[in-house]
C-alpha atoms as a PDB file:
ATOM      1  CA  UNK A   1     -23.596  17.835 -16.960  1.00  0.00           C
ATOM      2  CA  UNK A   2     -24.278  15.289 -14.241  1.00  0.00           C
ATOM      3  CA  UNK A   3     -25.690  16.715 -11.026  1.00  0.00           C
ATOM      4  CA  UNK A   4     -26.770  14.927  -7.844  1.00  0.00           C
ATOM      5  CA  UNK A   5     -30.370  15.303  -8.984  1.00  0.00           C
ATOM      6  CA  UNK A   6     -29.899  13.528 -12.318  1.00  0.00           C
ATOM      7  CA  UNK A   7     -27.164  11.082 -11.282  1.00  0.00           C
ATOM      8  CA  UNK A   8     -29.715   8.334 -10.661  1.00  0.00           C
ATOM      9  CA  UNK A   9     -31.129   8.710 -14.160  1.00  0.00           C
ATOM     10  CA  UNK A  10     -27.766   9.014 -15.869  1.00  0.00           C
ATOM     11  CA  UNK A  11     -26.376   6.296 -18.028  1.00  0.00           C
ATOM     12  CA  UNK A  12     -24.684   3.489 -16.069  1.00  0.00           C
ATOM     13  CA  UNK A  13     -21.324   5.000 -16.989  1.00  0.00           C
ATOM     14  CA  UNK A  14     -19.494   7.252 -14.564  1.00  0.00           C
ATOM     15  CA  UNK A  15     -17.769  10.292 -16.082  1.00  0.00           C
ATOM     16  CA  UNK A  16     -15.258  12.862 -14.883  1.00  0.00           C
ATOM     17  CA  UNK A  17     -18.160  15.371 -14.814  1.00  0.00           C
ATOM     18  CA  UNK A  18     -19.884  13.145 -12.272  1.00  0.00           C
ATOM     19  CA  UNK A  19     -16.752  12.997 -10.093  1.00  0.00           C
ATOM     20  CA  UNK A  20     -16.444  16.790 -10.328  1.00  0.00           C
ATOM     21  CA  UNK A  21     -20.087  17.140  -9.193  1.00  0.00           C
ATOM     22  CA  UNK A  22     -19.374  14.707  -6.329  1.00  0.00           C
ATOM     23  CA  UNK A  23     -16.390  16.861  -5.319  1.00  0.00           C
ATOM     24  CA  UNK A  24     -18.520  20.019  -5.479  1.00  0.00           C
ATOM     25  CA  UNK A  25     -21.057  18.400  -3.130  1.00  0.00           C
ATOM     26  CA  UNK A  26     -18.221  17.756  -0.640  1.00  0.00           C
ATOM     27  CA  UNK A  27     -17.256  21.428  -0.761  1.00  0.00           C
ATOM     28  CA  UNK A  28     -20.880  22.500  -0.213  1.00  0.00           C
ATOM     29  CA  UNK A  29     -21.093  20.077   2.761  1.00  0.00           C
ATOM     30  CA  UNK A  30     -24.179  18.621   1.074  1.00  0.00           C
ATOM     31  CA  UNK A  31     -24.631  15.137   2.522  1.00  0.00           C
ATOM     32  CA  UNK A  32     -27.917  14.309   0.731  1.00  0.00           C
ATOM     33  CA  UNK A  33     -26.299  15.170  -2.623  1.00  0.00           C
ATOM     34  CA  UNK A  34     -23.220  13.069  -1.810  1.00  0.00           C
ATOM     35  CA  UNK A  35     -25.304  10.060  -0.899  1.00  0.00           C
ATOM     36  CA  UNK A  36     -27.213  10.232  -4.205  1.00  0.00           C
ATOM     37  CA  UNK A  37     -23.889   9.463  -5.921  1.00  0.00           C
ATOM     38  CA  UNK A  38     -23.304   6.412  -3.713  1.00  0.00           C
ATOM     39  CA  UNK A  39     -24.438   2.884  -4.584  1.00  0.00           C
ATOM     40  CA  UNK A  40     -26.858   1.197  -2.150  1.00  0.00           C
ATOM     41  CA  UNK A  41     -24.061  -1.240  -1.176  1.00  0.00           C
ATOM     42  CA  UNK A  42     -21.436   1.512  -0.797  1.00  0.00           C
ATOM     43  CA  UNK A  43     -18.188   1.203   1.146  1.00  0.00           C
ATOM     44  CA  UNK A  44     -16.003   4.040   2.445  1.00  0.00           C
ATOM     45  CA  UNK A  45     -12.435   3.311   3.527  1.00  0.00           C
ATOM     46  CA  UNK A  46     -10.818   6.168   5.451  1.00  0.00           C
ATOM     47  CA  UNK A  47      -7.229   7.426   5.340  1.00  0.00           C
ATOM     48  CA  UNK A  48      -6.655   6.593   9.019  1.00  0.00           C
ATOM     49  CA  UNK A  49      -7.856   3.911  11.347  1.00  0.00           C
ATOM     50  CA  UNK A  50      -6.891   0.759  13.218  1.00  0.00           C
ATOM     51  CA  UNK A  51      -6.646  -1.534  10.180  1.00  0.00           C
ATOM     52  CA  UNK A  52      -4.371  -1.647   7.131  1.00  0.00           C
ATOM     53  CA  UNK A  53      -7.227  -0.092   5.115  1.00  0.00           C
ATOM     54  CA  UNK A  54      -7.931   2.585   7.748  1.00  0.00           C
ATOM     55  CA  UNK A  55     -11.522   2.248   8.927  1.00  0.00           C
ATOM     56  CA  UNK A  56     -14.216   0.691   6.748  1.00  0.00           C
ATOM     57  CA  UNK A  57     -17.813   1.947   6.712  1.00  0.00           C
ATOM     58  CA  UNK A  58     -20.427  -0.087   4.831  1.00  0.00           C
ATOM     59  CA  UNK A  59     -23.920   0.911   3.694  1.00  0.00           C
ATOM     60  CA  UNK A  60     -25.612   4.274   3.197  1.00  0.00           C
ATOM     61  CA  UNK A  61     -26.235   5.028   6.879  1.00  0.00           C
ATOM     62  CA  UNK A  62     -22.683   4.229   8.049  1.00  0.00           C
ATOM     63  CA  UNK A  63     -21.042   5.926   5.055  1.00  0.00           C
ATOM     64  CA  UNK A  64     -23.177   9.055   5.480  1.00  0.00           C
ATOM     65  CA  UNK A  65     -22.259   9.251   9.165  1.00  0.00           C
ATOM     66  CA  UNK A  66     -18.551   8.868   8.322  1.00  0.00           C
ATOM     67  CA  UNK A  67     -18.771  11.529   5.586  1.00  0.00           C
ATOM     68  CA  UNK A  68     -20.457  13.975   7.997  1.00  0.00           C
ATOM     69  CA  UNK A  69     -17.702  13.416  10.571  1.00  0.00           C
ATOM     70  CA  UNK A  70     -15.248  15.213   8.253  1.00  0.00           C
ATOM     71  CA  UNK A  71     -17.272  18.419   8.562  1.00  0.00           C
ATOM     72  CA  UNK A  72     -17.669  17.931  12.330  1.00  0.00           C
ATOM     73  CA  UNK A  73     -13.877  17.757  12.702  1.00  0.00           C
ATOM     74  CA  UNK A  74     -13.232  20.570  10.198  1.00  0.00           C
ATOM     75  CA  UNK A  75     -16.298  22.832   9.840  1.00  0.00           C
ATOM     76  CA  UNK A  76     -14.656  24.774   6.981  1.00  0.00           C
ATOM     77  CA  UNK A  77     -13.366  21.659   5.162  1.00  0.00           C
ATOM     78  CA  UNK A  78     -12.650  22.029   1.438  1.00  0.00           C
ATOM     79  CA  UNK A  79     -11.193  19.727  -1.205  1.00  0.00           C
ATOM     80  CA  UNK A  80      -9.491  22.057  -3.691  1.00  0.00           C
ATOM     81  CA  UNK A  81      -7.691  21.651  -7.032  1.00  0.00           C
ATOM     82  CA  UNK A  82      -9.726  18.594  -8.025  1.00  0.00           C
ATOM     83  CA  UNK A  83      -8.501  16.480 -10.921  1.00  0.00           C
ATOM     84  CA  UNK A  84     -10.586  13.480 -11.952  1.00  0.00           C
ATOM     85  CA  UNK A  85     -10.022  10.364 -14.036  1.00  0.00           C
ATOM     86  CA  UNK A  86     -12.387   7.527 -14.992  1.00  0.00           C
ATOM     87  CA  UNK A  87     -11.243   4.209 -16.451  1.00  0.00           C
ATOM     88  CA  UNK A  88     -14.261   1.956 -16.917  1.00  0.00           C
ATOM     89  CA  UNK A  89     -15.393   0.732 -13.495  1.00  0.00           C
ATOM     90  CA  UNK A  90     -12.502   2.442 -11.701  1.00  0.00           C
ATOM     91  CA  UNK A  91     -11.708   6.090 -11.100  1.00  0.00           C
ATOM     92  CA  UNK A  92      -9.564   8.554  -9.216  1.00  0.00           C
ATOM     93  CA  UNK A  93      -9.820  12.081  -7.855  1.00  0.00           C
ATOM     94  CA  UNK A  94      -6.806  14.089  -6.684  1.00  0.00           C
ATOM     95  CA  UNK A  95      -7.284  17.069  -4.382  1.00  0.00           C
ATOM     96  CA  UNK A  96      -5.784  19.276  -1.688  1.00  0.00           C
ATOM     97  CA  UNK A  97      -7.662  19.141   1.606  1.00  0.00           C
ATOM     98  CA  UNK A  98      -7.839  22.262   3.770  1.00  0.00           C
ATOM     99  CA  UNK A  99      -9.641  22.721   7.054  1.00  0.00           C
ATOM    100  CA  UNK A 100      -9.504  24.274  10.510  1.00  0.00           C
ATOM    101  CA  UNK A 101     -10.030  22.155  13.643  1.00  0.00           C
ATOM    102  CA  UNK A 102     -11.935  23.369  16.719  1.00  0.00           C
ATOM    103  CA  UNK A 103      -8.667  24.291  18.456  1.00  0.00           C
ATOM    104  CA  UNK A 104      -7.702  26.546  15.532  1.00  0.00           C
ATOM    105  CA  UNK A 105      -4.981  24.295  14.115  1.00  0.00           C
ATOM    106  CA  UNK A 106      -5.133  23.876  10.380  1.00  0.00           C
ATOM    107  CA  UNK A 107      -4.776  20.983   7.986  1.00  0.00           C
ATOM    108  CA  UNK A 108      -3.530  21.249   4.421  1.00  0.00           C
ATOM    109  CA  UNK A 109      -2.499  18.099   2.596  1.00  0.00           C
ATOM    110  CA  UNK A 110      -2.766  16.452  -0.790  1.00  0.00           C
ATOM    111  CA  UNK A 111      -4.809  13.329  -1.230  1.00  0.00           C
ATOM    112  CA  UNK A 112      -6.484  10.980  -3.642  1.00  0.00           C
ATOM    113  CA  UNK A 113      -9.706   8.993  -3.742  1.00  0.00           C
ATOM    114  CA  UNK A 114      -9.687   5.664  -5.533  1.00  0.00           C
ATOM    115  CA  UNK A 115     -13.149   4.643  -6.683  1.00  0.00           C
ATOM    116  CA  UNK A 116     -14.880   1.477  -7.807  1.00  0.00           C
ATOM    117  CA  UNK A 117     -18.158   2.019  -9.663  1.00  0.00           C
ATOM    118  CA  UNK A 118     -21.248  -0.135 -10.078  1.00  0.00           C
ATOM    119  CA  UNK A 119     -24.464   0.663 -11.935  1.00  0.00           C
ATOM    120  CA  UNK A 120     -23.336   4.244 -12.611  1.00  0.00           C
ATOM    121  CA  UNK A 121     -22.702   5.007  -8.935  1.00  0.00           C
ATOM    122  CA  UNK A 122     -19.787   4.958  -6.506  1.00  0.00           C
ATOM    123  CA  UNK A 123     -19.549   1.549  -4.883  1.00  0.00           C
ATOM    124  CA  UNK A 124     -16.221   2.061  -3.066  1.00  0.00           C
ATOM    125  CA  UNK A 125     -14.516   5.314  -2.051  1.00  0.00           C
ATOM    126  CA  UNK A 126     -11.024   4.554  -0.743  1.00  0.00           C
ATOM    127  CA  UNK A 127      -9.209   7.688   0.456  1.00  0.00           C
ATOM    128  CA  UNK A 128      -5.469   8.281   0.825  1.00  0.00           C
ATOM    129  CA  UNK A 129      -4.075  11.517   2.251  1.00  0.00           C
ATOM    130  CA  UNK A 130      -0.526  12.672   2.950  1.00  0.00           C
ATOM    131  CA  UNK A 131       0.338  12.388   6.641  1.00  0.00           C
ATOM    132  CA  UNK A 132       1.250  15.965   7.501  1.00  0.00           C
ATOM    133  CA  UNK A 133       1.445  17.584  10.915  1.00  0.00           C
ATOM    134  CA  UNK A 134      -1.261  20.081  11.753  1.00  0.00           C
ATOM    135  CA  UNK A 135      -0.336  23.689  11.029  1.00  0.00           C
ATOM    136  CA  UNK A 136      -0.502  26.318  13.782  1.00  0.00           C
ATOM    137  CA  UNK A 137      -3.645  28.340  14.193  1.00  0.00           C
ATOM    138  CA  UNK A 138      -3.764  31.402  11.982  1.00  0.00           C
ATOM    139  CA  UNK A 139      -2.660  34.455  13.903  1.00  0.00           C
ATOM    140  CA  UNK A 140      -5.193  37.214  14.189  1.00  0.00           C
ATOM    141  CA  UNK A 141      -4.278  40.839  13.703  1.00  0.00           C
ATOM    142  CA  UNK A 142      -4.475  42.918  16.856  1.00  0.00           C
END
């Protein structure tokens, strides 16, 4: 099984096990582990932003900062029901995102990451997520 620790020494072929380990690192909010899966020349294209591609972040420092912003916006963020596919130098992960914002409103929407791989690592992570209105804050029992 590919883990963040052995990803660098793995064969230069990405597998669905590697994408599952990448997804698990997201759910642990483990930025160092995530960045070990990313190529030195990595690019992250977000689901939202001012351009047709959303917002584009290039290089380890910028990509890491953008990844961490997901947890800042949704401290309990999770990407559930992961399904992964690898086709040579391309890949895909489907998931359901859940998270609670600081104001208590909740997000739950399906999404997909499209990947491009290079040298056994993720070169490009391009995310698409359903545009769904925020859900009301969970009511607390009194």
